Amino acid sequence: MLEESEIHSLLSACLDGEETAQKQFYELFLPYVFTIVRRLGVPDHNLRDVVQEVFIELFLHLENYNADKGTLKTWVRTITTRKVSNYQRTNRRYRKVVITPSTQPTAPTAPASSSPNIVSCLSHQQLENLINELPEQYRRVFRLKEIEGYSHLEIAQLLDISPSTSRTQLTRAKAQLRTIIKQLPSYDHR
């Protein structure tokens, strides 16, 4: 990441409309924005569109960045999360997934008896697959709280729900994940 003086220079150049500075800003934050958009559950076929919309939003509001209120990376994360939340709100497609033996995620490669914690045996992709089994609202709250580290108040503001609804949905998401994990073939029922 750039030093604070370099960030200030880069932002000034971007605000002055310098294309090389805007390209540098884009290349600097593209992996970070892409990762957040993907983690928050935007379908693969819409990833590029949402990332593009995030950068449009960032460039349109670059003059609103205030270094006294936090780092540039935090500001980018906030804008990205809000844009994804707006995207998901306008493209709401709730789906309930019923886990049957034919749709169960693949078992972890290490046997459960070798570790008392089955989650530690799951690969990142297997864990992502389990999270994707959750209903959309539970999945969104779970990712925002447990992966991105937002508070329930911040989640409530982003998703236009109450903090207690955020807490309830997180609790239900965790309970549903426990149920899904218990159904895995390698789960140790002790």
Foldseek 3Di string as FASTA:
>chain_A
DDDPVVVVVLLVCLVVVPPVSLVVVCVVCVVVLLVLLVLLPDDPVCSVVLSVVLSVVCSVCSVVDDVVVHDPSVVSSLSSLLSSLVVCVVVPDWDADDDDVVPAQAQFPDFCVVDVDRVVRDDPVSVVVLLVNDTSVLSNLQCCCVPVNDQLPSVCVSNVHHSVVSVVSPVVSVVSSVVSVCPHPRNDPD
